[in-house]
Amino acid sequence: MLSIHPHPHDKPRKEEVLRLIMQSLNDLGYKNVVDSLQKDTGIDLEPLSVQQFRQAILEGRFGDAEQILRTLPLRQPDKPLDSAYFLIREQHFLELLEQKNTPRALHVLRQEMTPLNHDVRRLHHLSSLILCATPQEIMDQADWDGADGSSRAILLEKLEKFVDPAVMLPKARLHTLLNQAFEWQRHECLYHIANNTDFSLFYDHVCSKRHFPNHTIQILTDHTDEVWHLSFSADGSRMASISKDKTCIIWDAKKFTKLHTLYAEQAATNGAWSPNGSMLLLCGVDHCLRLWDTETGRLLRTFDQHKDQVTCCVWLADGHHFFSGAMDKSLILWNIDGKIVARHEMGRIVDMKLAMKKTPRLVTIDMDGCMTLFDMSPQGQLKEIGKLKETSKVQSMSVSRDGRYALTNSQQPDEIHLWDLDRQVLLRSYTGHEQGDFVIRSTFAGYQERYILSGSEDNDIYIWSREHQALLDVFSGHDGRVNCVAWYPSEPVMFASASDDHTIRLWGIVHEPNAEEHAALGKLQV
C-alpha cells in the first residue's frame, strides 16, 4: 500500500473533525450526544442561521428561506443566486399545484420564476403541468414525490452547493470522505479484479494475486484448426468461437457444452452478437456477411454487397440494423432484411466498435492506422468528430464500455496503446508481449475495466494494470499463438483465450493453491 506522510500543516483541523463526527452522530439519531459534544467543546455543528435555513425549507416557508439564504456565506460570492431562487420557487410552484391552488401557482410561475430568465425549457415543462387533472399526475409528470415525500430534503441537498461548505456541511460528508478513501484504496490495489471485496475501516485494503483468474479451469478441444476469435453474448449466457476450420461453435457459457456448430464455405475471422443474443453475425475471409439464428443454429441470410474481404461488423442498439466494414473502402449500414440503408466511403477498414453512450459513438480504424470517430444518430446517421493517427500498422481495436477509451494493437514496436477518445490523445502504452504480423485481439478486463488483457505471438497471455501500466502477470498454457482473449461479462471472474493450437482455454481463480499450484499461477511474480 502506498504510504503517505502528510505535512503537519496538512492534518485535519480539530474543529472540522469534531463537526463531521457530530453530523454523522446526528444522522445516526444520537442527537443528545451531539448536544453534549457541542456543550463540552464549545463548537457548534452549524451556525444558527444555517439551522434556520434548513428548517425553513423543510417546513415549506420558502419566502423565509430566500431571505436567510441572502445572509449566508456563499461558495461563489460574486455569482448571483438566481439558480438557487429558481429551485426554491419551483418547489413552491409544485406544492401549490399539488394543493390545487392554481391561481397562486400561476403567479409564482409568471411573476417570480420567469423574470429570473433561467432554464426556459424547464419553465415550459412546468407550465404544462397546470393541465394535469390530479396531484398524482403532477408528481408523475414532474418526477417529483410531493411535499410530504422527500422533495424538500432533495431541494435542501441541491441548495447546499450554493453555500460555503465550511458553514453548511454537505450532506453525509464523513460518509463521502470514507467512500473516497475506499475508492482510493481500490485504485491503488493492483489486483482488485472484481467488485465483491469487503472493505473495513480497521485496516488497509490489499487484494492477493490469487484473486486473479490465472489458472486454467477447462480446455475446449472441439475445433480442428486455429481458433481466431471469441465473444460472449451480452448477458454472458453463451460464447461464440470462430475457427479456421470453417466453423463457429456456440457454447453454453455456464457449462461450456456445445449448443450449435455453424458451418460455412469460408472461414470467418470476426463476429458480433445481436443486443439480445438471438442472432450472430460472422464475417472475415470473403466478401460476405452471414447472419445466424443462435437459438436454432440456422443460417438466416447472407449479405454479399461488399466487393472485398469483410473485416468487421457491429450492431445498432435496436437489434435490426448493423454496420459492416471491408477492404473495399466502404462502410455499409444494413437492416437485417438485407436492405442497404446507407453506404459510406472510407479507407480499408480493419476493425470497428460501437459504444452505446448517450450519443452512440462509432470508431473505425483502417490499414493505414487512422482511427476515425463518429457520433451516431438513432437512425444510424454518422457525423465525424475526429481522427487519430497511429504511428504503425494496427490489426485490431477494442473500445471501453463507456465509449471513452480505445485499445489498439500496434506493430513495430509491439505495443498496445490506450487512447482517450474524448480528449483525442494517446494516454498509455503497454509492452512485453509479442505482436508480430498476425491479428492479436486485446481487451479491457476486470472491475471497472481496470486491466488490459492480451494474447501474444509467444503463446502466452499478458495482463497489465490499466492505470499504472505495470505488467502484472504472464499466463502460460497454450502451445500456439494466442489470437484472442475475451473477458466474461458476468460472474464468476473468468476469461477465455483462443489459440493456434486449436484450443480454447477458460481461466478462473485458484482459491487455496498448494505449493505446486502456486508455482504455476503465472510467470511474473510481483
Protein backbone atom coordinates (compact mmCIF):
# COMPACT_ATOMS: atom_id res chain seq x y z
CA MET A 1 0.00 0.00 0.00
CA LEU A 2 1.28 3.46 -0.82
CA SER A 3 2.27 5.26 2.37
CA ILE A 4 1.56 8.98 2.60
CA HIS A 5 3.17 11.13 5.29
CA PRO A 6 1.30 14.44 5.40
CA HIS A 7 2.96 17.69 6.30
CA PRO A 8 1.96 18.77 9.82
CA HIS A 9 0.01 21.70 8.36
CA ASP A 10 -1.96 19.24 6.17
CA LYS A 11 -3.53 17.48 9.17
CA PRO A 12 -7.30 17.86 9.53
CA ARG A 13 -8.36 20.71 11.78
CA LYS A 14 -9.76 19.57 15.13
CA GLU A 15 -12.88 21.72 14.72
CA GLU A 16 -13.65 20.22 11.28
CA VAL A 17 -13.18 16.66 12.58
CA LEU A 18 -15.49 17.30 15.52
CA ARG A 19 -18.16 18.83 13.30
CA LEU A 20 -18.03 15.86 10.90
CA ILE A 21 -18.37 13.47 13.85
CA MET A 22 -21.32 15.48 15.17
CA GLN A 23 -23.01 15.41 11.76
CA SER A 24 -22.58 11.63 11.50
CA LEU A 25 -23.89 11.09 15.03
CA ASN A 26 -26.84 13.34 14.28
CA ASP A 27 -27.59 11.36 11.08
CA LEU A 28 -27.46 8.16 13.15
CA GLY A 29 -30.03 9.56 15.59
CA TYR A 30 -27.76 10.41 18.53
CA LYS A 31 -28.98 14.00 18.95
CA ASN A 32 -28.42 14.04 22.73
CA VAL A 33 -24.80 13.03 22.22
CA VAL A 34 -24.39 15.84 19.67
CA ASP A 35 -25.89 18.37 22.10
CA SER A 36 -23.47 17.19 24.78
CA LEU A 37 -20.48 17.44 22.43
CA GLN A 38 -21.44 20.96 21.39
CA LYS A 39 -21.72 21.98 25.04
CA ASP A 40 -18.43 20.33 26.09
CA THR A 41 -16.35 21.59 23.15
CA GLY A 42 -17.96 24.97 22.57
CA ILE A 43 -18.12 24.08 18.86
CA ASP A 44 -21.45 24.22 17.04
CA LEU A 45 -22.34 21.73 14.35
CA GLU A 46 -23.68 24.59 12.23
CA PRO A 47 -24.47 28.29 12.85
CA LEU A 48 -27.98 29.21 13.94
CA SER A 49 -28.66 30.86 10.57
CA VAL A 50 -27.97 27.60 8.72
CA GLN A 51 -30.23 25.69 11.11
CA GLN A 52 -32.98 28.23 10.46
CA PHE A 53 -32.45 27.93 6.70
CA ARG A 54 -32.75 24.14 6.83
CA GLN A 55 -35.88 24.38 8.98
CA ALA A 56 -37.49 26.95 6.65
CA ILE A 57 -37.01 24.68 3.60
CA LEU A 58 -38.22 21.54 5.37
CA GLU A 59 -41.29 23.35 6.74
CA GLY A 60 -42.14 24.90 3.35
CA ARG A 61 -41.53 28.52 4.39
CA PHE A 62 -39.89 29.36 1.08
CA GLY A 63 -40.01 33.17 1.38
CA ASP A 64 -38.19 32.96 4.73
CA ALA A 65 -35.67 30.55 3.19
CA GLU A 66 -34.79 33.01 0.42
CA GLN A 67 -34.28 35.83 2.93
CA ILE A 68 -31.97 33.69 5.10
CA LEU A 69 -30.05 32.46 2.04
CA ARG A 70 -29.10 36.05 1.19
CA THR A 71 -27.31 36.33 4.56
CA LEU A 72 -25.26 33.13 4.33
CA PRO A 73 -21.63 32.98 3.12
CA LEU A 74 -21.60 31.59 -0.42
CA ARG A 75 -19.24 29.31 -2.33
CA GLN A 76 -19.13 31.88 -5.13
CA PRO A 77 -19.89 35.27 -3.57
CA ASP A 78 -19.65 37.12 -6.89
CA LYS A 79 -22.16 34.88 -8.65
CA PRO A 80 -25.90 35.75 -8.50
CA LEU A 81 -28.24 33.37 -6.68
CA ASP A 82 -30.80 33.15 -9.49
CA SER A 83 -30.27 29.38 -9.89
CA ALA A 84 -30.93 28.83 -6.18
CA TYR A 85 -34.02 31.06 -6.22
CA PHE A 86 -35.31 29.15 -9.25
CA LEU A 87 -35.04 25.83 -7.38
CA ILE A 88 -36.84 27.20 -4.31
CA ARG A 89 -39.62 28.77 -6.36
CA GLU A 90 -40.01 25.62 -8.47
CA GLN A 91 -40.66 23.65 -5.27
CA HIS A 92 -43.16 26.31 -4.17
CA PHE A 93 -44.91 26.18 -7.57
CA LEU A 94 -45.22 22.38 -7.50
CA GLU A 95 -46.57 22.36 -3.95
CA LEU A 96 -49.20 24.97 -4.86
CA LEU A 97 -50.27 22.84 -7.84
CA GLU A 98 -50.44 19.80 -5.56
CA GLN A 99 -52.74 21.81 -3.26
CA LYS A 100 -54.85 22.72 -6.33
CA ASN A 101 -54.10 26.41 -5.74
CA THR A 102 -53.68 27.06 -9.46
CA PRO A 103 -54.01 30.92 -9.39
CA ARG A 104 -51.24 31.24 -6.81
CA ALA A 105 -49.10 28.68 -8.70
CA LEU A 106 -49.51 30.72 -11.90
CA HIS A 107 -48.44 33.86 -10.04
CA VAL A 108 -45.25 32.14 -8.82
CA LEU A 109 -44.52 30.86 -12.31
CA ARG A 110 -45.12 34.15 -14.15
CA GLN A 111 -44.12 36.79 -11.61
CA GLU A 112 -41.35 35.07 -9.64
CA MET A 113 -39.76 32.41 -11.83
CA THR A 114 -39.99 33.82 -15.36
CA PRO A 115 -38.18 37.11 -14.52
CA LEU A 116 -35.15 35.07 -13.41
CA ASN A 117 -34.66 34.15 -17.10
CA HIS A 118 -33.28 30.78 -16.06
CA ASP A 119 -33.81 27.37 -17.71
CA VAL A 120 -36.50 28.31 -20.22
CA ARG A 121 -37.02 24.69 -21.27
CA ARG A 122 -37.81 23.73 -17.66
CA LEU A 123 -40.21 26.67 -17.39
CA HIS A 124 -42.12 25.43 -20.44
CA HIS A 125 -42.36 21.97 -18.91
CA LEU A 126 -43.58 23.35 -15.59
CA SER A 127 -46.25 25.44 -17.32
CA SER A 128 -47.62 22.29 -18.99
CA LEU A 129 -48.26 20.77 -15.53
CA ILE A 130 -51.12 23.21 -14.98
CA LEU A 131 -53.21 20.99 -17.28
CA CYS A 132 -52.73 17.95 -15.03
CA ALA A 133 -56.01 16.73 -13.55
CA THR A 134 -54.73 15.21 -10.29
CA PRO A 135 -51.83 15.69 -7.85
CA GLN A 136 -50.58 12.21 -8.76
CA GLU A 137 -50.41 13.17 -12.42
CA ILE A 138 -48.38 16.27 -11.48
CA MET A 139 -45.94 14.13 -9.50
CA ASP A 140 -45.59 11.64 -12.35
CA GLN A 141 -45.04 14.32 -14.99
CA ALA A 142 -42.61 16.35 -12.83
CA ASP A 143 -40.72 13.31 -11.48
CA TRP A 144 -41.42 14.68 -8.02
CA ASP A 145 -42.81 12.95 -4.93
CA GLY A 146 -44.81 15.77 -3.32
CA ALA A 147 -44.50 17.98 -0.27
CA ASP A 148 -44.88 15.02 2.08
CA GLY A 149 -42.24 12.96 0.26
CA SER A 150 -38.51 13.57 0.06
CA SER A 151 -38.71 16.54 -2.33
CA ARG A 152 -37.87 19.18 0.29
CA ALA A 153 -34.86 17.20 1.54
CA ILE A 154 -33.70 16.80 -2.07
CA LEU A 155 -34.10 20.55 -2.59
CA LEU A 156 -32.03 21.23 0.52
CA GLU A 157 -29.27 18.99 -0.79
CA LYS A 158 -29.23 20.93 -4.08
CA LEU A 159 -29.10 24.26 -2.23
CA GLU A 160 -26.11 23.12 -0.15
CA LYS A 161 -23.99 23.55 -3.27
CA PHE A 162 -24.52 27.32 -3.17
CA VAL A 163 -23.47 27.84 0.46
CA ASP A 164 -19.92 27.84 1.79
CA PRO A 165 -19.39 24.21 2.97
CA ALA A 166 -17.43 25.46 5.98
CA VAL A 167 -20.71 26.95 7.19
CA MET A 168 -23.31 24.49 5.86
CA LEU A 169 -21.90 20.98 5.92
CA PRO A 170 -22.64 18.94 2.78
CA LYS A 171 -24.93 16.01 3.42
CA ALA A 172 -23.25 12.93 4.97
CA ARG A 173 -19.83 14.49 4.49
CA LEU A 174 -17.91 11.94 6.61
CA HIS A 175 -19.56 9.09 4.71
CA THR A 176 -18.46 10.73 1.44
CA LEU A 177 -14.88 11.03 2.67
CA LEU A 178 -14.82 7.37 3.74
CA ASN A 179 -16.12 6.29 0.35
CA GLN A 180 -13.39 8.37 -1.29
CA ALA A 181 -10.82 6.59 0.89
CA PHE A 182 -12.23 3.21 -0.15
CA GLU A 183 -12.14 4.22 -3.80
CA TRP A 184 -8.53 5.40 -3.47
CA GLN A 185 -7.55 2.07 -1.91
CA ARG A 186 -9.36 0.28 -4.72
CA HIS A 187 -7.48 2.40 -7.24
CA GLU A 188 -4.11 1.67 -5.65
CA CYS A 189 -4.75 -2.09 -5.33
CA LEU A 190 -3.05 -3.74 -8.30
CA TYR A 191 -5.06 -6.95 -8.03
CA HIS A 192 -8.59 -5.64 -7.45
CA ILE A 193 -10.11 -7.58 -10.32
CA ALA A 194 -13.73 -7.86 -9.06
CA ASN A 195 -16.27 -5.79 -7.13
CA ASN A 196 -17.04 -8.38 -4.48
CA THR A 197 -14.48 -7.42 -1.84
CA ASP A 198 -15.47 -6.31 1.66
CA PHE A 199 -13.80 -3.15 2.93
CA SER A 200 -13.09 -2.44 6.59
CA LEU A 201 -12.28 0.83 8.32
CA PHE A 202 -9.84 -1.03 10.56
CA TYR A 203 -7.20 -1.97 8.01
CA ASP A 204 -5.95 -1.01 4.56
CA HIS A 205 -7.32 -2.95 1.62
CA VAL A 206 -4.92 -5.17 -0.35
CA CYS A 207 -6.01 -7.93 -2.74
CA SER A 208 -3.93 -11.04 -3.17
CA LYS A 209 -2.60 -12.08 -6.56
CA ARG A 210 -4.73 -15.20 -6.10
CA HIS A 211 -7.79 -13.03 -6.81
CA PHE A 212 -6.76 -13.12 -10.48
CA PRO A 213 -8.27 -15.71 -12.86
CA ASN A 214 -4.79 -17.11 -13.52
CA HIS A 215 -5.49 -20.84 -13.58
CA THR A 216 -6.80 -22.95 -16.48
CA ILE A 217 -10.09 -24.41 -15.28
CA GLN A 218 -11.19 -26.02 -18.58
CA ILE A 219 -9.83 -26.67 -22.08
CA LEU A 220 -12.20 -26.89 -25.06
CA THR A 221 -10.80 -29.03 -27.88
CA ASP A 222 -13.69 -29.27 -30.34
CA HIS A 223 -12.13 -27.16 -33.11
CA THR A 224 -9.83 -28.88 -35.60
CA ASP A 225 -7.78 -25.83 -36.65
CA GLU A 226 -6.62 -22.43 -35.39
CA VAL A 227 -9.18 -20.56 -33.24
CA TRP A 228 -9.24 -16.90 -34.29
CA HIS A 229 -12.00 -15.12 -32.40
CA LEU A 230 -14.05 -15.37 -29.19
CA SER A 231 -17.01 -13.34 -27.96
CA PHE A 232 -19.63 -13.63 -25.21
CA SER A 233 -23.27 -12.65 -25.58
CA ALA A 234 -24.20 -9.50 -23.66
CA ASP A 235 -25.87 -11.46 -20.86
CA GLY A 236 -22.93 -13.86 -20.55
CA SER A 237 -25.07 -16.94 -21.20
CA ARG A 238 -23.26 -18.05 -24.38
CA MET A 239 -19.90 -17.85 -26.09
CA ALA A 240 -19.08 -17.99 -29.81
CA SER A 241 -15.73 -19.31 -31.04
CA ILE A 242 -14.62 -18.81 -34.66
CA SER A 243 -12.02 -21.08 -36.25
CA LYS A 244 -10.00 -21.57 -39.40
CA ASP A 245 -11.79 -24.96 -39.66
CA LYS A 246 -14.75 -23.01 -41.20
CA THR A 247 -16.95 -23.44 -38.14
CA CYS A 248 -18.29 -21.24 -35.41
CA ILE A 249 -19.28 -23.08 -32.24
CA ILE A 250 -21.90 -21.59 -29.92
CA TRP A 251 -21.30 -22.70 -26.34
CA ASP A 252 -23.36 -22.66 -23.17
CA ALA A 253 -21.17 -20.25 -21.17
CA LYS A 254 -22.25 -21.70 -17.83
CA LYS A 255 -21.44 -25.35 -18.51
CA PHE A 256 -19.29 -24.83 -21.64
CA THR A 257 -21.09 -27.50 -23.57
CA LYS A 258 -21.75 -27.18 -27.31
CA LEU A 259 -25.14 -25.82 -28.32
CA HIS A 260 -24.65 -25.43 -32.09
CA THR A 261 -21.91 -25.74 -34.69
CA LEU A 262 -22.30 -23.31 -37.60
CA TYR A 263 -20.71 -24.40 -40.89
CA ALA A 264 -19.80 -22.11 -43.80
CA GLU A 265 -17.98 -22.39 -47.13
CA GLN A 266 -15.41 -19.85 -45.99
CA ALA A 267 -13.85 -19.37 -42.59
CA ALA A 268 -14.85 -16.30 -40.60
CA THR A 269 -12.42 -14.16 -38.59
CA ASN A 270 -14.81 -11.87 -36.70
CA GLY A 271 -18.28 -11.94 -35.24
CA ALA A 272 -20.85 -9.86 -33.36
CA TRP A 273 -23.77 -10.88 -31.15
CA SER A 274 -27.05 -9.02 -31.56
CA PRO A 275 -28.00 -6.99 -28.45
CA ASN A 276 -30.46 -9.62 -27.21
CA GLY A 277 -28.23 -12.55 -28.20
CA SER A 278 -30.75 -14.10 -30.59
CA MET A 279 -28.57 -13.61 -33.70
CA LEU A 280 -24.88 -13.73 -34.58
CA LEU A 281 -23.14 -12.02 -37.50
CA LEU A 282 -20.00 -13.65 -38.92
CA CYS A 283 -17.54 -12.16 -41.40
CA GLY A 284 -13.87 -12.37 -42.32
CA VAL A 285 -12.27 -14.14 -45.28
CA ASP A 286 -14.64 -13.46 -48.18
CA HIS A 287 -16.83 -10.51 -49.21
CA CYS A 288 -19.93 -11.79 -47.40
CA LEU A 289 -21.55 -11.50 -44.00
CA ARG A 290 -23.69 -14.33 -42.66
CA LEU A 291 -26.49 -13.89 -40.15
CA TRP A 292 -27.27 -16.90 -37.93
CA ASP A 293 -30.11 -17.72 -35.55
CA THR A 294 -28.34 -18.62 -32.30
CA GLU A 295 -31.36 -20.46 -30.90
CA THR A 296 -31.65 -22.92 -33.79
CA GLY A 297 -28.22 -22.72 -35.46
CA ARG A 298 -29.94 -21.85 -38.77
CA LEU A 299 -28.43 -19.52 -41.39
CA LEU A 300 -30.90 -16.66 -41.79
CA ARG A 301 -29.34 -14.54 -44.53
CA THR A 302 -26.15 -13.85 -46.48
CA PHE A 303 -25.18 -10.25 -47.25
CA ASP A 304 -22.95 -10.05 -50.35
CA GLN A 305 -22.82 -6.42 -51.48
CA HIS A 306 -19.19 -5.80 -50.49
CA LYS A 307 -16.57 -6.31 -53.20
CA ASP A 308 -13.67 -7.37 -50.95
CA GLN A 309 -13.00 -9.05 -47.61
CA VAL A 310 -15.43 -8.01 -44.86
CA THR A 311 -13.31 -7.49 -41.76
CA CYS A 312 -15.72 -6.33 -39.05
CA CYS A 313 -19.32 -5.68 -38.08
CA VAL A 314 -21.23 -4.03 -35.22
CA TRP A 315 -24.89 -4.00 -34.21
CA LEU A 316 -27.03 -0.96 -33.51
CA ALA A 317 -28.97 -0.95 -30.25
CA ASP A 318 -32.30 -1.68 -31.98
CA GLY A 319 -31.12 -5.17 -32.99
CA HIS A 320 -32.45 -4.63 -36.53
CA HIS A 321 -29.54 -2.75 -38.10
CA PHE A 322 -25.79 -3.21 -38.26
CA PHE A 323 -22.67 -1.74 -39.84
CA SER A 324 -20.10 -3.72 -41.82
CA GLY A 325 -16.58 -2.59 -42.73
CA ALA A 326 -14.48 -4.05 -45.52
CA MET A 327 -11.30 -3.83 -47.58
CA ASP A 328 -13.32 -2.35 -50.48
CA LYS A 329 -13.14 1.04 -48.71
CA SER A 330 -16.80 1.03 -47.79
CA LEU A 331 -18.81 1.12 -44.59
CA ILE A 332 -22.37 -0.14 -45.06
CA LEU A 333 -25.41 0.25 -42.80
CA TRP A 334 -27.82 -2.67 -43.29
CA ASN A 335 -31.11 -3.78 -41.89
CA ILE A 336 -31.43 -7.48 -41.12
CA ASP A 337 -33.78 -7.98 -44.09
CA GLY A 338 -30.83 -7.36 -46.43
CA LYS A 339 -31.57 -3.79 -47.46
CA ILE A 340 -28.70 -1.30 -47.59
CA VAL A 341 -29.72 1.79 -45.62
CA ALA A 342 -26.54 3.82 -46.22
CA ARG A 343 -23.08 3.42 -47.74
CA HIS A 344 -20.06 5.50 -46.72
CA GLU A 345 -16.72 5.70 -48.49
CA MET A 346 -13.83 5.03 -46.10
CA GLY A 347 -10.29 3.69 -46.01
CA ARG A 348 -9.65 -0.05 -45.89
CA ILE A 349 -11.30 -0.77 -42.54
CA VAL A 350 -9.64 -3.47 -40.41
CA ASP A 351 -11.77 -3.10 -37.28
CA MET A 352 -14.54 -1.02 -35.71
CA LYS A 353 -16.52 -0.80 -32.50
CA LEU A 354 -19.77 0.89 -31.43
CA ALA A 355 -20.17 2.24 -27.89
CA MET A 356 -23.70 2.84 -26.64
CA LYS A 357 -23.19 6.21 -24.97
CA LYS A 358 -25.96 8.83 -24.62
CA THR A 359 -24.89 9.75 -28.13
CA PRO A 360 -23.66 6.44 -29.61
CA ARG A 361 -20.07 6.55 -30.84
CA LEU A 362 -18.73 4.55 -33.78
CA VAL A 363 -14.97 4.11 -34.04
CA THR A 364 -13.22 2.68 -37.11
CA ILE A 365 -9.56 2.02 -37.83
CA ASP A 366 -8.07 1.41 -41.27
CA MET A 367 -4.97 -0.28 -42.66
CA ASP A 368 -3.01 2.97 -42.51
CA GLY A 369 -3.57 3.24 -38.74
CA CYS A 370 -6.09 6.08 -38.99
CA MET A 371 -8.77 5.91 -36.30
CA THR A 372 -11.97 7.83 -37.17
CA LEU A 373 -14.58 8.81 -34.57
CA PHE A 374 -18.25 9.35 -35.37
CA ASP A 375 -21.28 10.42 -33.37
CA MET A 376 -24.26 8.40 -34.49
CA SER A 377 -27.92 9.41 -34.55
CA PRO A 378 -30.65 6.92 -33.54
CA GLN A 379 -31.27 6.37 -37.28
CA GLY A 380 -27.62 5.45 -37.90
CA GLN A 381 -26.54 8.72 -39.48
CA LEU A 382 -22.85 9.46 -38.88
CA LYS A 383 -21.14 12.71 -38.02
CA GLU A 384 -17.34 12.66 -37.99
CA ILE A 385 -15.96 14.20 -34.80
CA GLY A 386 -12.26 13.42 -35.03
CA LYS A 387 -9.33 11.45 -36.42
CA LEU A 388 -6.38 9.89 -34.58
CA LYS A 389 -3.27 8.57 -36.30
CA GLU A 390 -1.25 5.56 -35.18
CA THR A 391 2.45 5.52 -35.99
CA SER A 392 2.41 1.98 -37.40
CA LYS A 393 0.11 -0.69 -38.76
CA VAL A 394 -2.77 -1.71 -36.48
CA GLN A 395 -4.63 -5.02 -36.76
CA SER A 396 -7.35 -4.74 -34.11
CA MET A 397 -9.11 -2.40 -31.72
CA SER A 398 -11.23 -2.58 -28.57
CA VAL A 399 -13.40 0.14 -27.00
CA SER A 400 -14.36 0.55 -23.34
CA ARG A 401 -17.99 0.12 -22.31
CA ASP A 402 -18.45 3.85 -21.76
CA GLY A 403 -17.04 4.63 -25.21
CA ARG A 404 -14.36 6.96 -23.91
CA TYR A 405 -11.26 4.79 -24.36
CA ALA A 406 -9.88 2.63 -27.15
CA LEU A 407 -7.15 -0.02 -27.24
CA THR A 408 -5.15 -0.54 -30.43
CA ASN A 409 -2.66 -3.33 -31.10
CA SER A 410 0.28 -1.64 -32.77
CA GLN A 411 3.09 -3.31 -34.73
CA GLN A 412 6.69 -2.09 -34.86
CA PRO A 413 7.09 -1.60 -31.97
CA ASP A 414 4.95 -4.27 -30.33
CA GLU A 415 2.73 -2.10 -28.16
CA ILE A 416 -0.86 -1.81 -27.04
CA HIS A 417 -2.00 1.81 -27.00
CA LEU A 418 -4.69 3.30 -24.78
CA TRP A 419 -6.40 6.32 -26.37
CA ASP A 420 -8.69 8.85 -24.69
CA LEU A 421 -11.32 9.37 -27.39
CA ASP A 422 -12.94 12.37 -25.68
CA ARG A 423 -9.68 14.30 -25.46
CA GLN A 424 -8.32 12.58 -28.60
CA VAL A 425 -4.89 11.88 -27.09
CA LEU A 426 -2.70 8.83 -26.52
CA LEU A 427 -2.67 8.11 -22.78
CA ARG A 428 -0.55 4.99 -22.18
CA SER A 429 1.36 2.16 -23.83
CA TYR A 430 1.67 -1.44 -22.66
CA THR A 431 4.64 -3.60 -23.65
CA GLY A 432 6.14 -7.02 -23.04
CA HIS A 433 4.04 -9.16 -25.37
CA GLU A 434 4.87 -10.07 -28.97
CA GLN A 435 2.52 -8.72 -31.63
CA GLY A 436 4.09 -9.97 -34.89
CA ASP A 437 2.35 -9.77 -38.26
CA PHE A 438 -0.92 -11.50 -37.34
CA VAL A 439 -4.13 -10.30 -35.70
CA ILE A 440 -3.93 -10.31 -31.90
CA ARG A 441 -7.05 -9.05 -30.11
CA SER A 442 -6.68 -7.34 -26.73
CA THR A 443 -9.46 -6.27 -24.38
CA PHE A 444 -10.38 -4.28 -21.29
CA ALA A 445 -10.85 -6.57 -18.29
CA GLY A 446 -11.96 -6.77 -14.69
CA TYR A 447 -13.76 -4.47 -12.28
CA GLN A 448 -14.35 -1.06 -13.90
CA GLU A 449 -12.21 -2.33 -16.82
CA ARG A 450 -9.09 -1.58 -14.75
CA TYR A 451 -6.94 -4.13 -16.58
CA ILE A 452 -5.64 -4.73 -20.08
CA LEU A 453 -5.60 -8.35 -21.26
CA SER A 454 -3.89 -9.60 -24.43
CA GLY A 455 -2.71 -12.67 -26.26
CA SER A 456 0.72 -12.86 -27.84
CA GLU A 457 2.82 -14.45 -30.57
CA ASP A 458 4.89 -16.22 -27.87
CA ASN A 459 1.88 -18.41 -26.86
CA ASP A 460 1.32 -16.55 -23.56
CA ILE A 461 -1.34 -14.22 -22.14
CA TYR A 462 -0.38 -10.86 -20.64
CA ILE A 463 -2.24 -8.71 -18.13
CA TRP A 464 -1.41 -5.10 -17.20
CA SER A 465 -2.77 -2.55 -14.76
CA ARG A 466 -4.54 -0.05 -16.98
CA GLU A 467 -3.78 2.92 -14.71
CA HIS A 468 -0.24 2.04 -13.60
CA GLN A 469 0.91 0.39 -16.87
CA ALA A 470 2.56 -2.34 -14.77
CA LEU A 471 2.76 -5.81 -16.26
CA LEU A 472 1.10 -7.86 -13.54
CA ASP A 473 1.36 -11.41 -14.82
CA VAL A 474 2.02 -13.70 -17.76
CA PHE A 475 -0.09 -16.86 -18.09
CA SER A 476 1.21 -19.93 -19.91
CA GLY A 477 -0.61 -22.98 -21.17
CA HIS A 478 -1.21 -22.66 -24.89
CA ASP A 479 1.12 -24.33 -27.42
CA GLY A 480 0.47 -21.82 -30.19
CA ARG A 481 -0.09 -18.12 -30.80
CA VAL A 482 -2.87 -16.68 -28.61
CA ASN A 483 -5.08 -14.81 -31.07
CA CYS A 484 -7.91 -13.52 -28.92
CA VAL A 485 -8.93 -13.08 -25.29
CA ALA A 486 -12.48 -12.36 -24.10
CA TRP A 487 -13.48 -11.27 -20.60
CA TYR A 488 -16.59 -12.93 -19.18
CA PRO A 489 -19.23 -10.17 -18.66
CA SER A 490 -20.85 -11.73 -15.58
CA GLU A 491 -19.88 -13.75 -12.51
CA PRO A 492 -17.67 -15.62 -11.72
CA VAL A 493 -14.44 -13.79 -12.57
CA MET A 494 -13.22 -15.57 -15.70
CA PHE A 495 -11.89 -15.09 -19.21
CA ALA A 496 -11.36 -17.21 -22.31
CA SER A 497 -8.42 -17.41 -24.71
CA ALA A 498 -8.23 -18.74 -28.28
CA SER A 499 -5.09 -20.13 -29.86
CA ASP A 500 -3.46 -21.53 -32.98
CA ASP A 501 -3.12 -24.79 -31.00
CA HIS A 502 -6.82 -25.42 -31.89
CA THR A 503 -7.95 -24.98 -28.27
CA ILE A 504 -9.90 -22.54 -26.12
CA ARG A 505 -8.78 -22.18 -22.51
CA LEU A 506 -11.04 -20.95 -19.74
CA TRP A 507 -9.21 -19.20 -16.92
CA GLY A 508 -10.55 -18.83 -13.38
CA ILE A 509 -9.49 -18.21 -9.79
CA VAL A 510 -7.48 -20.62 -7.67
CA HIS A 511 -8.82 -20.21 -4.13
CA GLU A 512 -6.42 -22.21 -1.99
CA PRO A 513 -3.41 -23.26 -4.08
CA ASN A 514 -0.98 -25.80 -2.76
CA ALA A 515 2.76 -25.36 -3.25
CA GLU A 516 2.79 -26.96 -6.72
CA GLU A 517 -0.18 -24.94 -7.95
CA HIS A 518 1.29 -21.72 -6.57
CA ALA A 519 4.31 -22.15 -8.80
CA ALA A 520 2.01 -22.32 -11.83
CA LEU A 521 -0.04 -19.21 -11.06
CA GLY A 522 1.94 -17.13 -13.52
CA LYS A 523 5.39 -16.47 -14.86
CA LEU A 524 5.68 -13.00 -13.46
CA GLN A 525 5.90 -12.83 -9.66
CA VAL A 526 5.08 -9.33 -8.41
